[in-house]
Amino acid sequence: MADPRKLPKIIAVANQKGGVGKTTTAINLGAALARRDRRVLLVDLDPQGNASTGLGLAPEARKVSSFDLLLGEATPEEAAHPTANPNLLLVPATSDLSGADLELGNRQGRTGLLRGALRQPLMDALRLDYILIDCPPSLNVLTINALVAAQSVLVPLQSEFFALEGLSQLMLTIREVRQTANPSLRIEGVALTMVDRRTSLAQMVEADARENLGDLVFQTVIPRNVRLSEAPSHAQSVLDYDPSSAGANAYRALAAELLARES
């Protein structure tokens, strides 16, 4: 059980490229940490709301959302919805987030709104160990809010050609955030996703990533797995949908590796 006096660790799950397994990682890493008796809050900051749908919260049930949290119109406790796992809470997304750039454009301190919301004393009531932020697939004001709020960034990286080149803009953005708003922000790690080690391309991308990024790359890789693809349509994490699948095993291993890095 989390110590209410201890701030939860905030991790932004980010990659400006879509289709890399970002939401899949946020949902299933959160579920895996929750099964290891960690209290986890998943903040869905993507206007598409896929993490919210994937955890079984229908659009009509999202009365209080991450946009309300950003605007200061709801406390974390009011915005957090329960999920099937009692240790995993969700702040859902709505389509209101798609107007965030315009809505927040002239607001004072607009890039620090999420940090203020997630680090206020009202967070204590949730007794959290981790906050995972599922970022949109773009480097807009929402992603910047997540990077300013977070202690670290977890980057899902799809095993495809030019994968590493796609990281350059995100790394530049992280560097800018360090220089301007969050000097302690660091890379939590890079998680290779959708890996099929039977192909030479996947082997080449993995070798290239480990050579260039070294220990930043998690030893655990997330395989291309049909159960991972099917689970969201059943509004479940893969750990609920098929606990014995390769995808479930991989996210359990990723959670264990994340915890081991902190011990």
C-alpha atoms as a PDB file:
ATOM      1  CA  MET A   1       0.000   0.000   0.000  1.00  0.00           C
ATOM      2  CA  ALA A   2       1.334   3.422  -0.945  1.00  0.00           C
ATOM      3  CA  ASP A   3       2.489   5.807   1.752  1.00  0.00           C
ATOM      4  CA  PRO A   4       0.165   8.853   1.466  1.00  0.00           C
ATOM      5  CA  ARG A   5       3.113  11.130   2.311  1.00  0.00           C
ATOM      6  CA  LYS A   6       5.142   9.817  -0.616  1.00  0.00           C
ATOM      7  CA  LEU A   7       4.521  11.282  -4.061  1.00  0.00           C
ATOM      8  CA  PRO A   8       3.696   8.711  -6.740  1.00  0.00           C
ATOM      9  CA  LYS A   9       6.124   8.249  -9.591  1.00  0.00           C
ATOM     10  CA  ILE A  10       4.763   9.881 -12.742  1.00  0.00           C
ATOM     11  CA  ILE A  11       5.705   8.281 -16.072  1.00  0.00           C
ATOM     12  CA  ALA A  12       4.668   9.701 -19.446  1.00  0.00           C
ATOM     13  CA  VAL A  13       4.191   7.021 -22.091  1.00  0.00           C
ATOM     14  CA  ALA A  14       5.035   8.977 -25.215  1.00  0.00           C
ATOM     15  CA  ASN A  15       5.972   8.710 -28.852  1.00  0.00           C
ATOM     16  CA  GLN A  16       4.809  11.280 -31.386  1.00  0.00           C
ATOM     17  CA  LYS A  17       4.436   8.513 -33.955  1.00  0.00           C
ATOM     18  CA  GLY A  18       1.121   6.688 -33.919  1.00  0.00           C
ATOM     19  CA  GLY A  19       0.640   2.936 -34.099  1.00  0.00           C
ATOM     20  CA  VAL A  20       3.672   2.010 -31.983  1.00  0.00           C
ATOM     21  CA  GLY A  21       1.840   0.317 -29.115  1.00  0.00           C
ATOM     22  CA  LYS A  22       1.749   3.354 -26.839  1.00  0.00           C
ATOM     23  CA  THR A  23      -1.783   2.893 -25.488  1.00  0.00           C
ATOM     24  CA  THR A  24      -1.342  -0.880 -25.369  1.00  0.00           C
ATOM     25  CA  THR A  25       1.741  -0.329 -23.223  1.00  0.00           C
ATOM     26  CA  ALA A  26       0.030   2.177 -20.936  1.00  0.00           C
ATOM     27  CA  ILE A  27      -2.929  -0.140 -20.303  1.00  0.00           C
ATOM     28  CA  ASN A  28      -1.021  -3.367 -19.849  1.00  0.00           C
ATOM     29  CA  LEU A  29       1.941  -1.997 -17.926  1.00  0.00           C
ATOM     30  CA  GLY A  30      -0.561  -0.336 -15.595  1.00  0.00           C
ATOM     31  CA  ALA A  31      -2.444  -3.596 -15.190  1.00  0.00           C
ATOM     32  CA  ALA A  32       0.772  -5.527 -14.565  1.00  0.00           C
ATOM     33  CA  LEU A  33       1.956  -3.059 -11.913  1.00  0.00           C
ATOM     34  CA  ALA A  34      -1.474  -3.210 -10.269  1.00  0.00           C
ATOM     35  CA  ARG A  35      -1.157  -6.982 -10.017  1.00  0.00           C
ATOM     36  CA  ARG A  36       2.086  -6.471  -8.138  1.00  0.00           C
ATOM     37  CA  ASP A  37       0.186  -4.593  -5.425  1.00  0.00           C
ATOM     38  CA  ARG A  38       1.048  -1.141  -6.745  1.00  0.00           C
ATOM     39  CA  ARG A  39      -1.676   1.492  -6.806  1.00  0.00           C
ATOM     40  CA  VAL A  40      -1.729   2.908 -10.338  1.00  0.00           C
ATOM     41  CA  LEU A  41      -3.576   5.820 -11.924  1.00  0.00           C
ATOM     42  CA  LEU A  42      -3.735   5.832 -15.729  1.00  0.00           C
ATOM     43  CA  VAL A  43      -4.375   9.318 -17.116  1.00  0.00           C
ATOM     44  CA  ASP A  44      -5.740   9.147 -20.661  1.00  0.00           C
ATOM     45  CA  LEU A  45      -4.515  12.324 -22.355  1.00  0.00           C
ATOM     46  CA  ASP A  46      -5.230  11.185 -25.917  1.00  0.00           C
ATOM     47  CA  PRO A  47      -8.374  12.742 -27.487  1.00  0.00           C
ATOM     48  CA  GLN A  48      -9.071   9.389 -29.166  1.00  0.00           C
ATOM     49  CA  GLY A  49      -9.697   7.926 -25.703  1.00  0.00           C
ATOM     50  CA  ASN A  50      -8.468   4.459 -26.639  1.00  0.00           C
ATOM     51  CA  ALA A  51      -7.071   3.722 -23.180  1.00  0.00           C
ATOM     52  CA  SER A  52     -10.431   4.620 -21.655  1.00  0.00           C
ATOM     53  CA  THR A  53     -12.300   2.371 -24.075  1.00  0.00           C
ATOM     54  CA  GLY A  54      -9.733  -0.377 -23.646  1.00  0.00           C
ATOM     55  CA  LEU A  55     -10.359  -0.407 -19.896  1.00  0.00           C
ATOM     56  CA  GLY A  56     -14.121  -0.623 -20.332  1.00  0.00           C
ATOM     57  CA  LEU A  57     -15.297   2.952 -19.726  1.00  0.00           C
ATOM     58  CA  ALA A  58     -17.951   3.897 -22.261  1.00  0.00           C
ATOM     59  CA  PRO A  59     -17.991   7.495 -23.576  1.00  0.00           C
ATOM     60  CA  GLU A  60     -21.290   8.258 -21.852  1.00  0.00           C
ATOM     61  CA  ALA A  61     -19.760   7.267 -18.500  1.00  0.00           C
ATOM     62  CA  ARG A  62     -16.933   9.813 -18.759  1.00  0.00           C
ATOM     63  CA  LYS A  63     -18.693  12.594 -16.852  1.00  0.00           C
ATOM     64  CA  VAL A  64     -15.400  13.850 -15.405  1.00  0.00           C
ATOM     65  CA  SER A  65     -12.352  13.641 -17.646  1.00  0.00           C
ATOM     66  CA  SER A  66      -8.679  14.481 -17.947  1.00  0.00           C
ATOM     67  CA  PHE A  67      -9.694  17.755 -19.605  1.00  0.00           C
ATOM     68  CA  ASP A  68     -11.581  18.737 -16.436  1.00  0.00           C
ATOM     69  CA  LEU A  69      -8.442  17.871 -14.483  1.00  0.00           C
ATOM     70  CA  LEU A  70      -6.315  20.068 -16.760  1.00  0.00           C
ATOM     71  CA  LEU A  71      -8.692  23.004 -16.442  1.00  0.00           C
ATOM     72  CA  GLY A  72      -8.766  22.708 -12.660  1.00  0.00           C
ATOM     73  CA  GLU A  73     -12.477  21.916 -12.709  1.00  0.00           C
ATOM     74  CA  ALA A  74     -12.056  18.534 -11.006  1.00  0.00           C
ATOM     75  CA  THR A  75      -9.774  17.070  -8.366  1.00  0.00           C
ATOM     76  CA  PRO A  76      -7.829  13.864  -9.075  1.00  0.00           C
ATOM     77  CA  GLU A  77     -10.157  11.972  -6.746  1.00  0.00           C
ATOM     78  CA  GLU A  78     -13.217  13.251  -8.620  1.00  0.00           C
ATOM     79  CA  ALA A  79     -11.692  12.434 -12.006  1.00  0.00           C
ATOM     80  CA  ALA A  80     -10.440   8.919 -11.145  1.00  0.00           C
ATOM     81  CA  HIS A  81     -12.761   6.094 -12.187  1.00  0.00           C
ATOM     82  CA  PRO A  82     -12.455   2.511 -10.931  1.00  0.00           C
ATOM     83  CA  THR A  83     -11.581  -0.315 -13.321  1.00  0.00           C
ATOM     84  CA  ALA A  84     -11.920  -4.090 -13.086  1.00  0.00           C
ATOM     85  CA  ASN A  85      -8.703  -4.148 -11.042  1.00  0.00           C
ATOM     86  CA  PRO A  86      -9.102  -2.350  -7.688  1.00  0.00           C
ATOM     87  CA  ASN A  87      -5.456  -1.210  -7.816  1.00  0.00           C
ATOM     88  CA  LEU A  88      -5.852   0.403 -11.248  1.00  0.00           C
ATOM     89  CA  LEU A  89      -7.719   3.701 -11.570  1.00  0.00           C
ATOM     90  CA  LEU A  90      -8.443   5.647 -14.745  1.00  0.00           C
ATOM     91  CA  VAL A  91      -8.853   9.332 -15.558  1.00  0.00           C
ATOM     92  CA  PRO A  92     -10.636   9.032 -18.906  1.00  0.00           C
ATOM     93  CA  ALA A  93     -10.331  11.116 -22.047  1.00  0.00           C
ATOM     94  CA  THR A  94     -13.099  12.758 -24.029  1.00  0.00           C
ATOM     95  CA  SER A  95     -13.107  14.472 -27.415  1.00  0.00           C
ATOM     96  CA  ASP A  96     -12.905  17.808 -25.547  1.00  0.00           C
ATOM     97  CA  LEU A  97      -9.144  17.238 -25.458  1.00  0.00           C
ATOM     98  CA  SER A  98      -8.971  17.765 -29.224  1.00  0.00           C
ATOM     99  CA  GLY A  99      -9.506  21.478 -28.609  1.00  0.00           C
ATOM    100  CA  ALA A 100      -6.823  21.757 -25.943  1.00  0.00           C
ATOM    101  CA  ASP A 101      -4.388  23.762 -28.062  1.00  0.00           C
ATOM    102  CA  LEU A 102      -7.003  26.461 -28.643  1.00  0.00           C
ATOM    103  CA  GLU A 103      -8.587  26.270 -25.187  1.00  0.00           C
ATOM    104  CA  LEU A 104      -5.279  26.496 -23.359  1.00  0.00           C
ATOM    105  CA  GLY A 105      -3.475  28.704 -25.879  1.00  0.00           C
ATOM    106  CA  ASN A 106      -3.577  31.946 -23.893  1.00  0.00           C
ATOM    107  CA  ARG A 107      -3.843  30.476 -20.415  1.00  0.00           C
ATOM    108  CA  GLN A 108      -1.126  31.491 -17.986  1.00  0.00           C
ATOM    109  CA  GLY A 109       1.195  28.575 -17.197  1.00  0.00           C
ATOM    110  CA  ARG A 110      -0.601  26.347 -19.702  1.00  0.00           C
ATOM    111  CA  THR A 111       2.239  23.800 -19.941  1.00  0.00           C
ATOM    112  CA  GLY A 112       2.247  23.232 -16.169  1.00  0.00           C
ATOM    113  CA  LEU A 113      -1.459  22.606 -15.631  1.00  0.00           C
ATOM    114  CA  LEU A 114      -1.205  18.825 -15.381  1.00  0.00           C
ATOM    115  CA  ARG A 115       1.770  18.999 -13.033  1.00  0.00           C
ATOM    116  CA  GLY A 116      -0.222  21.221 -10.702  1.00  0.00           C
ATOM    117  CA  ALA A 117      -3.201  18.882 -10.844  1.00  0.00           C
ATOM    118  CA  LEU A 118      -1.184  15.717 -10.192  1.00  0.00           C
ATOM    119  CA  ARG A 119       1.038  17.074  -7.445  1.00  0.00           C
ATOM    120  CA  GLN A 120      -1.569  18.765  -5.321  1.00  0.00           C
ATOM    121  CA  PRO A 121      -2.210  17.498  -1.756  1.00  0.00           C
ATOM    122  CA  LEU A 122      -5.584  16.122  -2.882  1.00  0.00           C
ATOM    123  CA  MET A 123      -3.656  13.300  -4.610  1.00  0.00           C
ATOM    124  CA  ASP A 124      -2.906  11.790  -1.202  1.00  0.00           C
ATOM    125  CA  ALA A 125      -6.404  10.355  -0.888  1.00  0.00           C
ATOM    126  CA  LEU A 126      -5.753   8.037  -3.854  1.00  0.00           C
ATOM    127  CA  ARG A 127      -2.662   6.494  -2.157  1.00  0.00           C
ATOM    128  CA  LEU A 128      -0.872   6.000  -5.480  1.00  0.00           C
ATOM    129  CA  ASP A 129       2.467   4.419  -6.293  1.00  0.00           C
ATOM    130  CA  TYR A 130       2.452   5.211 -10.011  1.00  0.00           C
ATOM    131  CA  ILE A 131       0.770   7.574 -12.438  1.00  0.00           C
ATOM    132  CA  LEU A 132       1.019   6.583 -16.104  1.00  0.00           C
ATOM    133  CA  ILE A 133       0.089   9.232 -18.674  1.00  0.00           C
ATOM    134  CA  ASP A 134      -1.002   7.977 -22.088  1.00  0.00           C
ATOM    135  CA  CYS A 135       0.058  10.814 -24.382  1.00  0.00           C
ATOM    136  CA  PRO A 136      -1.438  11.645 -27.791  1.00  0.00           C
ATOM    137  CA  PRO A 137       0.595  10.704 -30.891  1.00  0.00           C
ATOM    138  CA  SER A 138       1.803  14.272 -31.415  1.00  0.00           C
ATOM    139  CA  LEU A 139       4.001  16.829 -29.696  1.00  0.00           C
ATOM    140  CA  ASN A 140       1.225  19.277 -28.799  1.00  0.00           C
ATOM    141  CA  VAL A 141       0.299  21.115 -25.596  1.00  0.00           C
ATOM    142  CA  LEU A 142      -1.089  17.891 -24.088  1.00  0.00           C
ATOM    143  CA  THR A 143       2.170  15.983 -24.541  1.00  0.00           C
ATOM    144  CA  ILE A 144       4.157  18.950 -23.236  1.00  0.00           C
ATOM    145  CA  ASN A 145       1.903  19.005 -20.150  1.00  0.00           C
ATOM    146  CA  ALA A 146       2.652  15.324 -19.612  1.00  0.00           C
ATOM    147  CA  LEU A 147       6.418  15.858 -19.958  1.00  0.00           C
ATOM    148  CA  VAL A 148       6.358  18.786 -17.547  1.00  0.00           C
ATOM    149  CA  ALA A 149       4.345  16.745 -15.025  1.00  0.00           C
ATOM    150  CA  ALA A 150       6.384  13.536 -15.289  1.00  0.00           C
ATOM    151  CA  GLN A 151       9.570  12.380 -13.640  1.00  0.00           C
ATOM    152  CA  SER A 152      10.362  10.153 -16.589  1.00  0.00           C
ATOM    153  CA  VAL A 153       9.340   9.118 -20.097  1.00  0.00           C
ATOM    154  CA  LEU A 154       8.766   5.570 -21.296  1.00  0.00           C
ATOM    155  CA  VAL A 155       9.049   5.362 -25.082  1.00  0.00           C
ATOM    156  CA  PRO A 156       7.405   2.480 -26.966  1.00  0.00           C
ATOM    157  CA  LEU A 157       9.418   1.839 -30.136  1.00  0.00           C
ATOM    158  CA  GLN A 158       7.997  -0.287 -32.911  1.00  0.00           C
ATOM    159  CA  SER A 159      10.364  -2.722 -34.583  1.00  0.00           C
ATOM    160  CA  GLU A 160      10.284  -1.220 -38.046  1.00  0.00           C
ATOM    161  CA  PHE A 161      12.651   0.468 -40.482  1.00  0.00           C
ATOM    162  CA  PHE A 162      13.618   4.040 -39.510  1.00  0.00           C
ATOM    163  CA  ALA A 163      12.318   3.461 -35.970  1.00  0.00           C
ATOM    164  CA  LEU A 164      15.252   5.217 -34.321  1.00  0.00           C
ATOM    165  CA  GLU A 165      15.095   8.192 -36.669  1.00  0.00           C
ATOM    166  CA  GLY A 166      11.547   8.793 -35.470  1.00  0.00           C
ATOM    167  CA  LEU A 167      12.824   9.295 -31.918  1.00  0.00           C
ATOM    168  CA  SER A 168      14.849  12.382 -32.741  1.00  0.00           C
ATOM    169  CA  GLN A 169      12.029  14.929 -32.458  1.00  0.00           C
ATOM    170  CA  LEU A 170      10.826  13.446 -29.164  1.00  0.00           C
ATOM    171  CA  MET A 171      14.347  13.562 -27.755  1.00  0.00           C
ATOM    172  CA  LEU A 172      14.683  17.211 -28.810  1.00  0.00           C
ATOM    173  CA  THR A 173      11.378  18.011 -27.115  1.00  0.00           C
ATOM    174  CA  ILE A 174      12.463  16.242 -23.926  1.00  0.00           C
ATOM    175  CA  ARG A 175      15.695  18.259 -23.978  1.00  0.00           C
ATOM    176  CA  GLU A 176      13.733  21.515 -24.363  1.00  0.00           C
ATOM    177  CA  VAL A 177      11.424  20.592 -21.490  1.00  0.00           C
ATOM    178  CA  ARG A 178      14.467  19.840 -19.319  1.00  0.00           C
ATOM    179  CA  GLN A 179      15.930  23.242 -20.108  1.00  0.00           C
ATOM    180  CA  THR A 180      12.759  25.230 -19.568  1.00  0.00           C
ATOM    181  CA  ALA A 181      10.312  23.566 -17.196  1.00  0.00           C
ATOM    182  CA  ASN A 182      11.357  20.187 -15.801  1.00  0.00           C
ATOM    183  CA  PRO A 183      15.134  19.805 -15.346  1.00  0.00           C
ATOM    184  CA  SER A 184      14.803  16.427 -13.600  1.00  0.00           C
ATOM    185  CA  LEU A 185      12.925  14.754 -16.488  1.00  0.00           C
ATOM    186  CA  ARG A 186      14.700  11.606 -17.661  1.00  0.00           C
ATOM    187  CA  ILE A 187      14.173   8.697 -20.019  1.00  0.00           C
ATOM    188  CA  GLU A 188      12.722   5.789 -18.062  1.00  0.00           C
ATOM    189  CA  GLY A 189      13.442   3.443 -20.904  1.00  0.00           C
ATOM    190  CA  VAL A 190      12.643   2.405 -24.448  1.00  0.00           C
ATOM    191  CA  ALA A 191      10.339  -0.584 -24.859  1.00  0.00           C
ATOM    192  CA  LEU A 192      10.570  -2.439 -28.162  1.00  0.00           C
ATOM    193  CA  THR A 193       7.040  -3.297 -29.302  1.00  0.00           C
ATOM    194  CA  MET A 194       5.396  -5.456 -31.971  1.00  0.00           C
ATOM    195  CA  VAL A 195       8.560  -7.534 -32.211  1.00  0.00           C
ATOM    196  CA  ASP A 196       8.649 -10.642 -34.366  1.00  0.00           C
ATOM    197  CA  ARG A 197      12.109 -12.045 -33.777  1.00  0.00           C
ATOM    198  CA  ARG A 198      11.631 -14.521 -36.609  1.00  0.00           C
ATOM    199  CA  THR A 199      12.178 -11.674 -39.086  1.00  0.00           C
ATOM    200  CA  SER A 200      15.577 -10.260 -39.931  1.00  0.00           C
ATOM    201  CA  LEU A 201      14.155  -6.716 -39.828  1.00  0.00           C
ATOM    202  CA  ALA A 202      13.056  -7.064 -36.191  1.00  0.00           C
ATOM    203  CA  GLN A 203      16.435  -8.504 -35.251  1.00  0.00           C
ATOM    204  CA  MET A 204      18.204  -5.641 -37.038  1.00  0.00           C
ATOM    205  CA  VAL A 205      16.066  -2.934 -35.389  1.00  0.00           C
ATOM    206  CA  GLU A 206      16.594  -4.472 -31.939  1.00  0.00           C
ATOM    207  CA  ALA A 207      20.356  -4.715 -32.452  1.00  0.00           C
ATOM    208  CA  ASP A 208      20.465  -1.140 -33.747  1.00  0.00           C
ATOM    209  CA  ALA A 209      18.444   0.150 -30.788  1.00  0.00           C
ATOM    210  CA  ARG A 210      20.619  -1.614 -28.228  1.00  0.00           C
ATOM    211  CA  GLU A 211      23.806  -0.427 -29.914  1.00  0.00           C
ATOM    212  CA  ASN A 212      22.668   3.216 -30.047  1.00  0.00           C
ATOM    213  CA  LEU A 213      20.669   3.504 -26.829  1.00  0.00           C
ATOM    214  CA  GLY A 214      22.405   0.952 -24.625  1.00  0.00           C
ATOM    215  CA  ASP A 215      20.843   0.348 -21.219  1.00  0.00           C
ATOM    216  CA  LEU A 216      17.958   2.685 -22.000  1.00  0.00           C
ATOM    217  CA  VAL A 217      16.390  -0.201 -23.919  1.00  0.00           C
ATOM    218  CA  PHE A 218      14.494  -2.591 -21.684  1.00  0.00           C
ATOM    219  CA  GLN A 219      15.627  -6.196 -21.886  1.00  0.00           C
ATOM    220  CA  THR A 220      11.964  -7.165 -22.135  1.00  0.00           C
ATOM    221  CA  VAL A 221      10.533  -6.920 -25.634  1.00  0.00           C
ATOM    222  CA  ILE A 222       6.831  -6.897 -26.437  1.00  0.00           C
ATOM    223  CA  PRO A 223       6.014  -9.436 -29.128  1.00  0.00           C
ATOM    224  CA  ARG A 224       3.579  -9.079 -31.970  1.00  0.00           C
ATOM    225  CA  ASN A 225       0.705 -11.013 -30.400  1.00  0.00           C
ATOM    226  CA  VAL A 226      -2.883 -11.455 -31.536  1.00  0.00           C
ATOM    227  CA  ARG A 227      -4.165 -11.513 -27.946  1.00  0.00           C
ATOM    228  CA  LEU A 228      -2.744  -8.020 -27.386  1.00  0.00           C
ATOM    229  CA  SER A 229      -4.702  -6.821 -30.411  1.00  0.00           C
ATOM    230  CA  GLU A 230      -7.913  -8.542 -29.353  1.00  0.00           C
ATOM    231  CA  ALA A 231      -7.987  -7.502 -25.680  1.00  0.00           C
ATOM    232  CA  PRO A 232      -9.132  -3.862 -26.159  1.00  0.00           C
ATOM    233  CA  SER A 233     -12.186  -4.969 -28.143  1.00  0.00           C
ATOM    234  CA  HIS A 234     -13.210  -6.903 -25.028  1.00  0.00           C
ATOM    235  CA  ALA A 235     -12.535  -3.820 -22.856  1.00  0.00           C
ATOM    236  CA  GLN A 236      -9.851  -5.665 -20.941  1.00  0.00           C
ATOM    237  CA  SER A 237      -6.117  -5.618 -20.430  1.00  0.00           C
ATOM    238  CA  VAL A 238      -4.389  -8.622 -21.964  1.00  0.00           C
ATOM    239  CA  LEU A 239      -3.651  -9.820 -18.414  1.00  0.00           C
ATOM    240  CA  ASP A 240      -7.403 -10.227 -17.894  1.00  0.00           C
ATOM    241  CA  TYR A 241      -8.254 -11.336 -21.402  1.00  0.00           C
ATOM    242  CA  ASP A 242      -5.636 -14.067 -21.724  1.00  0.00           C
ATOM    243  CA  PRO A 243      -3.266 -14.238 -18.728  1.00  0.00           C
ATOM    244  CA  SER A 244      -1.175 -17.018 -20.265  1.00  0.00           C
ATOM    245  CA  SER A 245      -0.578 -15.294 -23.612  1.00  0.00           C
ATOM    246  CA  ALA A 246       2.821 -14.144 -24.798  1.00  0.00           C
ATOM    247  CA  GLY A 247       1.617 -10.546 -24.574  1.00  0.00           C
ATOM    248  CA  ALA A 248       0.541 -10.895 -20.939  1.00  0.00           C
ATOM    249  CA  ASN A 249       3.837 -12.566 -20.046  1.00  0.00           C
ATOM    250  CA  ALA A 250       5.777  -9.758 -21.719  1.00  0.00           C
ATOM    251  CA  TYR A 251       3.996  -6.972 -19.838  1.00  0.00           C
ATOM    252  CA  ARG A 252       4.425  -8.820 -16.547  1.00  0.00           C
ATOM    253  CA  ALA A 253       8.146  -9.020 -17.327  1.00  0.00           C
ATOM    254  CA  LEU A 254       8.267  -5.324 -18.278  1.00  0.00           C
ATOM    255  CA  ALA A 255       6.624  -4.357 -14.974  1.00  0.00           C
ATOM    256  CA  ALA A 256       9.110  -6.532 -13.067  1.00  0.00           C
ATOM    257  CA  GLU A 257      12.025  -4.926 -14.931  1.00  0.00           C
ATOM    258  CA  LEU A 258      10.699  -1.436 -14.239  1.00  0.00           C
ATOM    259  CA  LEU A 259      10.400  -2.191 -10.534  1.00  0.00           C
ATOM    260  CA  ALA A 260      13.844  -3.822 -10.445  1.00  0.00           C
ATOM    261  CA  ARG A 261      15.430  -0.701 -11.959  1.00  0.00           C
ATOM    262  CA  GLU A 262      14.117   1.292  -9.002  1.00  0.00           C
ATOM    263  CA  SER A 263      15.205  -1.069  -6.260  1.00  0.00           C
END
